[in-house]
Amino acid sequence: MTEREGRLDPRTVRTRAAIKDAFKELVVERAARSITVAELTRRAGVGRKTFYLHYETIEALYEDLMCDLLERDAATYDETVLVGDMRSTNRAFFNQWSRAEPWEERLLCDPSYASVCDELMVRSYRRNVAASGEPYAHHDLATQEMICDFLVSNSLRFYRRWVASGKAMPLEQVVEVTGELLEHGVSAFR
């Protein structure tokens, strides 16, 4: 149960869990965009009206699941990693996501939700960095945002490419190569 769900009625938590579990199963079977509310509610054992009491759209459900994952991941990152060198941050990112369940991997890599995923990841990264100290605080806010977007979008792009390749490159090698690319990409702004 996430921190957000801890404040909800237990019936609401159970219903949302059933809907989320059904979506997790379906997203592994097919592209997220091809999942319908009818199919999802049938799998979850709830009515359409019940689904719409909890989520306006399937995209809202996707966003809720991604927020759960990002909330969980934020707890695993050591504060010193976030304000430290990019290599450590990159290593933490790849180590976390290399152990992803198939449904988690699909949520991160499904092209139909890439823009939503990217925006959620950027917001999460900004929150985590703000909480632990902004290493680029000596730059104006617009520059800080561009640096953050660069780091997150490229980390995601590298991860998606690695997954699409069938994880052909060993994890340690992908961490080293991508860490080097990210570190040199932001080194001029330190």
Protein backbone atom coordinates (compact mmCIF):
# COMPACT_ATOMS: atom_id res chain seq x y z
CA MET A 1 0.00 0.00 0.00
CA THR A 2 1.37 3.41 -0.90
CA GLU A 3 1.37 6.42 1.39
CA ARG A 4 -1.40 7.96 -0.73
CA GLU A 5 -3.58 4.84 -0.35
CA GLY A 6 -3.05 4.70 3.41
CA ARG A 7 -5.51 7.57 3.79
CA LEU A 8 -8.31 5.84 1.83
CA ASP A 9 -11.19 3.66 2.95
CA PRO A 10 -10.17 -0.04 2.87
CA ARG A 11 -12.88 -0.84 0.30
CA THR A 12 -11.52 1.84 -1.98
CA VAL A 13 -8.01 0.44 -1.57
CA ARG A 14 -9.23 -3.10 -2.43
CA THR A 15 -11.16 -1.91 -5.49
CA ARG A 16 -8.24 0.13 -6.78
CA ALA A 17 -5.92 -2.82 -6.16
CA ALA A 18 -8.20 -5.08 -8.24
CA ILE A 19 -8.27 -2.52 -11.06
CA LYS A 20 -4.50 -2.02 -10.91
CA ASP A 21 -3.82 -5.76 -10.83
CA ALA A 22 -6.03 -6.29 -13.88
CA PHE A 23 -4.22 -3.49 -15.72
CA LYS A 24 -0.82 -4.97 -14.79
CA GLU A 25 -1.87 -8.32 -16.28
CA LEU A 26 -3.27 -6.74 -19.43
CA VAL A 27 -0.34 -4.40 -20.05
CA VAL A 28 2.00 -7.40 -20.19
CA GLU A 29 -0.27 -9.05 -22.75
CA ARG A 30 -0.66 -6.09 -25.13
CA ALA A 31 0.09 -2.43 -25.73
CA ALA A 32 -1.45 -0.21 -23.09
CA ARG A 33 -3.36 1.85 -25.66
CA SER A 34 -5.24 -1.23 -26.84
CA ILE A 35 -6.68 -1.97 -23.39
CA THR A 36 -10.34 -1.02 -23.06
CA VAL A 37 -12.29 -0.11 -19.94
CA ALA A 38 -14.73 -2.97 -20.66
CA GLU A 39 -11.91 -5.50 -20.83
CA LEU A 40 -10.21 -4.04 -17.75
CA THR A 41 -13.36 -4.05 -15.61
CA ARG A 42 -14.21 -7.59 -16.68
CA ARG A 43 -10.72 -8.75 -15.63
CA ALA A 44 -10.90 -6.77 -12.36
CA GLY A 45 -14.38 -8.04 -11.52
CA VAL A 46 -15.83 -4.55 -11.13
CA GLY A 47 -18.42 -2.58 -13.07
CA ARG A 48 -17.69 0.23 -15.49
CA LYS A 49 -19.29 2.74 -13.12
CA THR A 50 -16.99 1.54 -10.35
CA PHE A 51 -13.97 2.07 -12.59
CA TYR A 52 -15.11 5.61 -13.38
CA LEU A 53 -15.65 6.35 -9.68
CA HIS A 54 -11.92 5.77 -9.22
CA TYR A 55 -10.39 6.87 -12.54
CA GLU A 56 -11.56 9.22 -15.25
CA THR A 57 -9.58 7.36 -17.92
CA ILE A 58 -7.18 4.49 -18.40
CA GLU A 59 -4.46 7.14 -18.69
CA ALA A 60 -5.33 8.30 -15.15
CA LEU A 61 -4.96 4.69 -13.97
CA TYR A 62 -1.59 4.50 -15.75
CA GLU A 63 -0.51 7.72 -14.06
CA ASP A 64 -1.59 6.39 -10.65
CA LEU A 65 0.44 3.20 -11.15
CA MET A 66 3.49 5.19 -12.28
CA CYS A 67 3.15 7.44 -9.22
CA ASP A 68 3.11 4.31 -7.03
CA LEU A 69 6.32 3.11 -8.68
CA LEU A 70 8.02 6.49 -8.42
CA GLU A 71 7.01 6.82 -4.78
CA ARG A 72 8.52 3.42 -4.11
CA ASP A 73 11.67 4.28 -6.07
CA ALA A 74 12.17 7.62 -4.33
CA ALA A 75 12.50 5.75 -1.07
CA THR A 76 15.31 3.60 -2.50
CA TYR A 77 17.53 6.45 -3.69
CA ASP A 78 20.06 7.61 -1.18
CA GLU A 79 20.08 11.41 -0.85
CA THR A 80 23.81 11.52 -1.49
CA VAL A 81 23.27 9.84 -4.85
CA LEU A 82 20.86 12.53 -6.01
CA VAL A 83 23.20 15.39 -5.24
CA GLY A 84 26.35 13.49 -6.05
CA ASP A 85 27.84 12.60 -9.36
CA MET A 86 25.66 11.55 -12.29
CA ARG A 87 27.29 8.14 -12.40
CA SER A 88 25.88 7.25 -8.97
CA THR A 89 22.44 8.52 -9.88
CA ASN A 90 22.54 6.63 -13.18
CA ARG A 91 23.68 3.45 -11.41
CA ALA A 92 20.81 3.74 -8.89
CA PHE A 93 18.32 4.26 -11.74
CA PHE A 94 19.51 1.26 -13.76
CA ASN A 95 19.89 -0.99 -10.71
CA GLN A 96 16.32 -0.20 -9.65
CA TRP A 97 14.73 -0.60 -13.09
CA SER A 98 16.82 -3.62 -14.14
CA ARG A 99 14.86 -5.57 -11.52
CA ALA A 100 11.50 -4.35 -12.80
CA GLU A 101 8.60 -6.74 -13.10
CA PRO A 102 7.42 -7.24 -16.70
CA TRP A 103 4.43 -4.94 -16.17
CA GLU A 104 6.68 -2.22 -14.68
CA GLU A 105 9.03 -2.46 -17.64
CA ARG A 106 6.10 -2.15 -20.03
CA LEU A 107 4.78 0.93 -18.21
CA LEU A 108 8.16 2.59 -18.55
CA CYS A 109 8.77 1.53 -22.14
CA ASP A 110 5.33 1.54 -23.79
CA PRO A 111 5.57 4.22 -26.51
CA SER A 112 1.90 5.10 -26.22
CA TYR A 113 2.47 6.51 -22.74
CA ALA A 114 6.04 7.75 -23.14
CA SER A 115 5.17 11.44 -22.82
CA VAL A 116 3.14 10.85 -19.63
CA CYS A 117 5.88 8.62 -18.22
CA ASP A 118 8.59 11.14 -19.07
CA GLU A 119 6.73 14.01 -17.41
CA LEU A 120 6.06 11.98 -14.26
CA MET A 121 9.71 10.94 -14.07
CA VAL A 122 10.88 14.55 -14.50
CA ARG A 123 8.54 15.73 -11.73
CA SER A 124 9.69 12.92 -9.44
CA TYR A 125 13.36 13.66 -10.10
CA ARG A 126 12.81 17.38 -9.44
CA ARG A 127 11.06 16.64 -6.14
CA ASN A 128 13.84 14.30 -5.04
CA VAL A 129 16.58 16.72 -6.01
CA ALA A 130 14.79 19.64 -4.35
CA ALA A 131 14.47 17.60 -1.15
CA SER A 132 18.15 16.70 -1.09
CA GLY A 133 19.74 19.87 -2.47
CA GLU A 134 19.84 21.15 -6.03
CA PRO A 135 23.37 20.62 -7.44
CA TYR A 136 22.66 23.16 -10.18
CA ALA A 137 21.20 25.85 -7.90
CA HIS A 138 23.73 28.41 -9.08
CA HIS A 139 21.92 28.44 -12.45
CA ASP A 140 18.64 30.17 -13.15
CA LEU A 141 15.46 28.09 -12.84
CA ALA A 142 15.00 27.66 -16.60
CA THR A 143 18.52 26.22 -16.93
CA GLN A 144 17.96 23.92 -13.94
CA GLU A 145 14.78 22.61 -15.58
CA MET A 146 16.58 21.98 -18.88
CA ILE A 147 19.36 20.08 -17.10
CA CYS A 148 16.78 17.98 -15.27
CA ASP A 149 14.91 17.28 -18.52
CA PHE A 150 18.17 16.31 -20.21
CA LEU A 151 19.13 13.89 -17.47
CA VAL A 152 15.73 12.23 -17.10
CA SER A 153 14.83 12.02 -20.80
CA ASN A 154 18.21 10.58 -21.72
CA SER A 155 18.18 8.09 -18.83
CA LEU A 156 14.77 6.91 -20.00
CA ARG A 157 15.90 6.78 -23.63
CA PHE A 158 18.96 4.73 -22.68
CA TYR A 159 16.86 2.36 -20.57
CA ARG A 160 14.23 1.92 -23.29
CA ARG A 161 16.89 1.22 -25.89
CA TRP A 162 18.52 -1.32 -23.59
CA VAL A 163 15.19 -3.09 -22.99
CA ALA A 164 14.34 -3.00 -26.73
CA SER A 165 17.67 -4.69 -27.46
CA GLY A 166 16.68 -7.55 -25.19
CA LYS A 167 19.18 -6.25 -22.62
CA ALA A 168 21.95 -7.37 -24.97
CA MET A 169 24.55 -5.25 -23.18
CA PRO A 170 25.46 -6.44 -19.67
CA LEU A 171 24.01 -4.22 -16.93
CA GLU A 172 27.42 -3.11 -15.67
CA GLN A 173 28.48 -2.05 -19.16
CA VAL A 174 25.26 -0.14 -19.85
CA VAL A 175 25.64 1.64 -16.51
CA GLU A 176 29.22 2.63 -17.35
CA VAL A 177 28.47 3.81 -20.90
CA THR A 178 25.33 5.75 -20.03
CA GLY A 179 26.91 7.16 -16.87
CA GLU A 180 29.80 8.49 -18.93
CA LEU A 181 27.44 10.05 -21.46
CA LEU A 182 25.32 11.71 -18.79
CA GLU A 183 28.28 12.89 -16.72
CA HIS A 184 29.93 14.59 -19.67
CA GLY A 185 26.64 16.01 -20.86
CA VAL A 186 26.18 18.01 -17.65
CA SER A 187 29.80 18.56 -16.61
CA ALA A 188 29.93 22.01 -18.20
CA PHE A 189 27.16 23.20 -15.85
CA ARG A 190 28.86 22.36 -12.56
